[in-house]
């Protein structure tokens, strides 16, 4: 709710009501994802937004569900230089405990 949507209520003091700014807009979902081996390591993988500079030069292109599956593998992580961590990790957390 914005301050423009509020109207005073006669006889009610609202000065003690906590206020906070809303977080910025969520990153736009990528058109696709790329999974690549972690740099300089064997085994672990990193999931990138398809437009990430680290996704260039190879890797496997994935859809969103495949990218989420890839992140569930042991040692996998989402790139923090692109939107992968901001978009995919919260989606994984929403699914915790559901089979």
N, C-alpha and C. Protein backbone atom coordinates (compact mmCIF):
# COMPACT_ATOMS: atom_id res chain seq x y z
N UNK A 1 0.85 -1.16 0.00
CA UNK A 1 0.00 0.00 0.00
C UNK A 1 0.90 1.23 0.00
N UNK A 2 0.55 2.20 -0.76
CA UNK A 2 1.34 3.43 -0.82
C UNK A 2 0.72 4.49 0.08
N UNK A 3 1.50 5.53 0.36
CA UNK A 3 0.98 6.62 1.20
C UNK A 3 -0.20 7.34 0.53
N UNK A 4 -0.28 7.28 -0.79
CA UNK A 4 -1.40 7.91 -1.50
C UNK A 4 -2.71 7.14 -1.31
N UNK A 5 -2.60 5.87 -0.99
CA UNK A 5 -3.79 5.05 -0.81
C UNK A 5 -4.35 5.14 0.61
N UNK A 6 -3.60 5.72 1.51
CA UNK A 6 -4.04 5.82 2.90
C UNK A 6 -4.83 7.10 3.13
N UNK A 7 -5.85 6.99 3.95
CA UNK A 7 -6.58 8.18 4.38
C UNK A 7 -6.63 8.15 5.90
N UNK A 8 -6.52 9.30 6.52
CA UNK A 8 -6.53 9.34 7.99
C UNK A 8 -7.87 8.83 8.54
N UNK A 9 -7.79 8.22 9.69
CA UNK A 9 -8.99 7.76 10.39
C UNK A 9 -9.17 8.68 11.58
N UNK A 10 -10.29 9.35 11.61
CA UNK A 10 -10.53 10.32 12.66
C UNK A 10 -10.44 9.67 14.04
N UNK A 11 -9.61 10.27 14.90
CA UNK A 11 -9.46 9.78 16.26
C UNK A 11 -8.48 8.64 16.43
N UNK A 12 -7.82 8.20 15.35
CA UNK A 12 -6.88 7.08 15.43
C UNK A 12 -5.47 7.60 15.14
N UNK A 13 -4.55 7.32 16.07
CA UNK A 13 -3.15 7.72 15.89
C UNK A 13 -2.39 6.58 15.21
N UNK A 14 -1.94 6.79 14.01
CA UNK A 14 -1.23 5.77 13.25
C UNK A 14 0.29 5.97 13.29
N UNK A 15 0.77 6.89 14.11
CA UNK A 15 2.20 7.17 14.14
C UNK A 15 3.02 5.99 14.65
N UNK A 16 2.41 5.07 15.38
CA UNK A 16 3.13 3.91 15.90
C UNK A 16 3.13 2.71 14.96
N UNK A 17 2.46 2.83 13.83
CA UNK A 17 2.40 1.72 12.88
C UNK A 17 3.74 1.65 12.14
N UNK A 18 4.39 0.48 12.18
CA UNK A 18 5.68 0.38 11.50
C UNK A 18 5.51 0.48 9.98
N UNK A 19 6.49 1.09 9.36
CA UNK A 19 6.48 1.19 7.91
C UNK A 19 7.81 0.69 7.38
N UNK A 20 7.79 0.21 6.17
CA UNK A 20 9.03 -0.24 5.53
C UNK A 20 8.84 -0.13 4.03
N UNK A 21 9.95 0.02 3.35
CA UNK A 21 9.91 0.07 1.88
C UNK A 21 9.83 -1.35 1.35
N UNK A 22 9.09 -1.50 0.28
CA UNK A 22 9.02 -2.80 -0.38
C UNK A 22 10.33 -3.07 -1.08
N UNK A 23 10.72 -4.34 -1.18
CA UNK A 23 11.95 -4.64 -1.92
C UNK A 23 11.78 -4.27 -3.39
N UNK A 24 12.89 -4.11 -4.06
CA UNK A 24 12.85 -3.78 -5.48
C UNK A 24 12.19 -4.89 -6.27
N UNK A 25 11.93 -4.65 -7.53
CA UNK A 25 11.28 -5.68 -8.34
C UNK A 25 12.17 -6.91 -8.48
N UNK A 26 11.54 -8.06 -8.60
CA UNK A 26 12.28 -9.30 -8.79
C UNK A 26 12.93 -9.28 -10.17
N UNK A 27 14.07 -9.95 -10.29
CA UNK A 27 14.69 -10.02 -11.61
C UNK A 27 13.76 -10.73 -12.59
N UNK A 28 13.83 -10.33 -13.84
CA UNK A 28 13.03 -11.00 -14.86
C UNK A 28 13.57 -12.40 -15.08
N UNK A 29 12.70 -13.38 -15.18
CA UNK A 29 13.19 -14.74 -15.43
C UNK A 29 13.94 -14.82 -16.76
N UNK A 30 14.93 -15.66 -16.77
CA UNK A 30 15.74 -15.84 -17.98
C UNK A 30 14.93 -16.60 -19.03
N UNK A 31 15.35 -16.47 -20.26
CA UNK A 31 14.72 -17.24 -21.33
C UNK A 31 15.19 -18.68 -21.29
N UNK A 32 16.24 -18.92 -20.57
CA UNK A 32 16.78 -20.26 -20.44
C UNK A 32 17.94 -20.26 -19.47
N UNK A 33 18.45 -21.43 -19.21
CA UNK A 33 19.52 -21.60 -18.24
C UNK A 33 20.60 -22.46 -18.86
N UNK A 34 21.79 -22.33 -18.35
CA UNK A 34 22.92 -23.13 -18.82
C UNK A 34 23.62 -23.71 -17.60
N UNK A 35 23.90 -25.01 -17.65
CA UNK A 35 24.67 -25.63 -16.57
C UNK A 35 26.06 -25.95 -17.11
N UNK A 36 27.06 -25.57 -16.33
CA UNK A 36 28.46 -25.78 -16.71
C UNK A 36 29.22 -26.32 -15.51
N UNK A 37 30.32 -27.00 -15.76
CA UNK A 37 31.17 -27.41 -14.63
C UNK A 37 31.68 -26.17 -13.90
N UNK A 38 31.84 -26.29 -12.59
CA UNK A 38 32.40 -25.18 -11.81
C UNK A 38 33.83 -24.92 -12.29
N UNK A 39 34.23 -23.67 -12.37
CA UNK A 39 35.58 -23.35 -12.87
C UNK A 39 36.67 -24.01 -12.03
N UNK A 40 37.57 -24.69 -12.72
CA UNK A 40 38.73 -25.29 -12.06
C UNK A 40 38.43 -26.45 -11.13
N UNK A 41 37.23 -26.99 -11.20
CA UNK A 41 36.85 -28.09 -10.31
C UNK A 41 36.21 -29.19 -11.12
N UNK A 42 36.34 -30.39 -10.62
CA UNK A 42 35.67 -31.53 -11.25
C UNK A 42 34.44 -31.90 -10.46
N UNK A 43 33.38 -32.20 -11.13
CA UNK A 43 32.19 -32.68 -10.45
C UNK A 43 31.13 -31.62 -10.25
N UNK A 44 31.35 -30.63 -9.35
CA UNK A 44 30.29 -29.66 -9.08
C UNK A 44 29.95 -28.83 -10.33
N UNK A 45 28.72 -28.40 -10.40
CA UNK A 45 28.27 -27.60 -11.53
C UNK A 45 27.70 -26.27 -11.06
N UNK A 46 27.61 -25.34 -12.00
CA UNK A 46 27.03 -24.03 -11.73
C UNK A 46 25.95 -23.78 -12.77
N UNK A 47 24.78 -23.34 -12.31
CA UNK A 47 23.68 -23.00 -13.22
C UNK A 47 23.69 -21.49 -13.43
N UNK A 48 23.66 -21.08 -14.69
CA UNK A 48 23.70 -19.67 -15.09
C UNK A 48 22.45 -19.31 -15.87
N UNK A 49 22.09 -18.03 -15.83
CA UNK A 49 21.13 -17.45 -16.77
C UNK A 49 21.77 -17.61 -18.15
N UNK A 50 20.98 -17.91 -19.16
CA UNK A 50 21.53 -18.14 -20.50
C UNK A 50 22.29 -16.94 -21.05
N UNK A 51 22.01 -15.74 -20.53
CA UNK A 51 22.70 -14.54 -21.01
C UNK A 51 23.91 -14.18 -20.16
N UNK A 52 24.22 -14.97 -19.15
CA UNK A 52 25.35 -14.70 -18.25
C UNK A 52 26.67 -14.82 -19.02
N UNK A 53 27.61 -13.95 -18.71
CA UNK A 53 28.91 -14.01 -19.39
C UNK A 53 29.65 -15.29 -19.07
N UNK A 54 29.34 -15.93 -17.93
CA UNK A 54 29.99 -17.19 -17.56
C UNK A 54 29.37 -18.39 -18.26
N UNK A 55 28.22 -18.19 -18.90
CA UNK A 55 27.54 -19.29 -19.59
C UNK A 55 28.04 -19.45 -21.03
N UNK A 56 28.81 -18.49 -21.49
CA UNK A 56 29.30 -18.50 -22.87
C UNK A 56 30.36 -19.58 -23.05
N UNK A 57 30.32 -20.24 -24.20
CA UNK A 57 31.38 -21.18 -24.53
C UNK A 57 31.15 -22.60 -24.09
N UNK A 58 29.92 -23.01 -24.06
CA UNK A 58 29.66 -24.41 -23.74
C UNK A 58 28.63 -24.57 -22.66
N UNK A 59 28.54 -25.76 -22.16
CA UNK A 59 27.52 -26.06 -21.17
C UNK A 59 26.29 -26.63 -21.83
N UNK A 60 25.35 -27.00 -21.02
CA UNK A 60 24.11 -27.61 -21.49
C UNK A 60 22.96 -26.64 -21.27
N UNK A 61 22.19 -26.36 -22.31
CA UNK A 61 21.03 -25.48 -22.18
C UNK A 61 19.89 -26.24 -21.52
N UNK A 62 19.21 -25.57 -20.60
CA UNK A 62 18.14 -26.19 -19.82
C UNK A 62 16.92 -25.29 -19.77
N UNK A 63 15.76 -25.91 -19.56
CA UNK A 63 14.56 -25.17 -19.22
C UNK A 63 14.56 -24.93 -17.71
N UNK A 64 13.57 -24.22 -17.22
CA UNK A 64 13.54 -23.87 -15.80
C UNK A 64 13.44 -25.10 -14.90
N UNK A 65 12.57 -26.05 -15.21
CA UNK A 65 12.45 -27.24 -14.36
C UNK A 65 13.73 -28.05 -14.37
N UNK A 66 14.37 -28.15 -15.52
CA UNK A 66 15.65 -28.87 -15.60
C UNK A 66 16.73 -28.15 -14.79
N UNK A 67 16.71 -26.82 -14.82
CA UNK A 67 17.69 -26.04 -14.05
C UNK A 67 17.48 -26.26 -12.55
N UNK A 68 16.23 -26.32 -12.12
CA UNK A 68 15.94 -26.60 -10.71
C UNK A 68 16.42 -27.99 -10.34
N UNK A 69 16.19 -28.97 -11.21
CA UNK A 69 16.69 -30.33 -10.97
C UNK A 69 18.21 -30.33 -10.87
N UNK A 70 18.87 -29.59 -11.75
CA UNK A 70 20.34 -29.53 -11.73
C UNK A 70 20.85 -28.94 -10.42
N UNK A 71 20.14 -27.96 -9.89
CA UNK A 71 20.56 -27.34 -8.63
C UNK A 71 20.38 -28.27 -7.43
N UNK A 72 19.53 -29.26 -7.57
CA UNK A 72 19.30 -30.19 -6.46
C UNK A 72 20.40 -31.24 -6.37
N UNK A 73 21.27 -31.32 -7.37
CA UNK A 73 22.36 -32.29 -7.34
C UNK A 73 23.43 -31.85 -6.35
N UNK A 74 24.08 -32.82 -5.76
CA UNK A 74 25.12 -32.55 -4.77
C UNK A 74 26.22 -31.67 -5.36
N UNK A 75 26.58 -30.62 -4.64
CA UNK A 75 27.66 -29.73 -5.05
C UNK A 75 27.27 -28.66 -6.05
N UNK A 76 26.05 -28.73 -6.58
CA UNK A 76 25.62 -27.73 -7.57
C UNK A 76 25.31 -26.41 -6.87
N UNK A 77 25.50 -25.33 -7.61
CA UNK A 77 25.16 -24.01 -7.08
C UNK A 77 24.66 -23.12 -8.21
N UNK A 78 23.99 -22.06 -7.83
CA UNK A 78 23.50 -21.08 -8.80
C UNK A 78 24.49 -19.93 -8.87
N UNK A 79 24.74 -19.44 -10.06
CA UNK A 79 25.65 -18.31 -10.26
C UNK A 79 25.09 -17.08 -9.55
N UNK A 80 25.96 -16.36 -8.86
CA UNK A 80 25.54 -15.12 -8.20
C UNK A 80 25.88 -13.88 -9.03
N UNK A 81 26.54 -14.07 -10.17
CA UNK A 81 26.86 -12.94 -11.04
C UNK A 81 25.72 -12.62 -12.00
N UNK A 82 24.75 -13.52 -12.10
CA UNK A 82 23.59 -13.29 -12.96
C UNK A 82 22.34 -13.52 -12.11
N UNK A 83 21.19 -13.63 -12.74
CA UNK A 83 19.93 -13.79 -12.01
C UNK A 83 19.66 -15.21 -11.54
N UNK A 84 20.54 -16.16 -11.82
CA UNK A 84 20.27 -17.55 -11.47
C UNK A 84 19.99 -17.73 -9.98
N UNK A 85 20.83 -17.17 -9.12
CA UNK A 85 20.63 -17.34 -7.68
C UNK A 85 19.36 -16.62 -7.21
N UNK A 86 19.12 -15.42 -7.73
CA UNK A 86 17.96 -14.63 -7.31
C UNK A 86 16.64 -15.24 -7.75
N UNK A 87 16.63 -15.94 -8.87
CA UNK A 87 15.39 -16.50 -9.41
C UNK A 87 15.19 -17.95 -9.00
N UNK A 88 16.22 -18.77 -9.15
CA UNK A 88 16.06 -20.21 -8.95
C UNK A 88 16.10 -20.65 -7.49
N UNK A 89 16.97 -20.06 -6.68
CA UNK A 89 17.08 -20.50 -5.28
C UNK A 89 15.78 -20.29 -4.52
N UNK A 90 15.11 -19.12 -4.63
CA UNK A 90 13.82 -18.98 -3.94
C UNK A 90 12.79 -20.01 -4.42
N UNK A 91 12.82 -20.35 -5.70
CA UNK A 91 11.89 -21.36 -6.22
C UNK A 91 12.16 -22.71 -5.59
N UNK A 92 13.44 -23.04 -5.40
CA UNK A 92 13.78 -24.30 -4.73
C UNK A 92 13.30 -24.30 -3.29
N UNK A 93 13.47 -23.17 -2.61
CA UNK A 93 13.05 -23.08 -1.22
C UNK A 93 11.54 -23.23 -1.08
N UNK A 94 10.78 -22.75 -2.05
CA UNK A 94 9.33 -22.91 -2.01
C UNK A 94 8.93 -24.38 -2.07
N UNK A 95 9.73 -25.18 -2.75
CA UNK A 95 9.41 -26.59 -2.91
C UNK A 95 9.93 -27.49 -1.81
N UNK A 96 10.63 -26.94 -0.82
CA UNK A 96 11.17 -27.76 0.26
C UNK A 96 10.04 -28.49 0.98
N UNK A 97 10.22 -29.77 1.18
CA UNK A 97 9.24 -30.56 1.91
C UNK A 97 8.10 -31.10 1.06
N UNK A 98 8.07 -30.75 -0.21
CA UNK A 98 7.03 -31.26 -1.10
C UNK A 98 7.64 -32.26 -2.05
N UNK A 99 6.98 -33.38 -2.23
CA UNK A 99 7.50 -34.41 -3.14
C UNK A 99 6.59 -34.55 -4.31
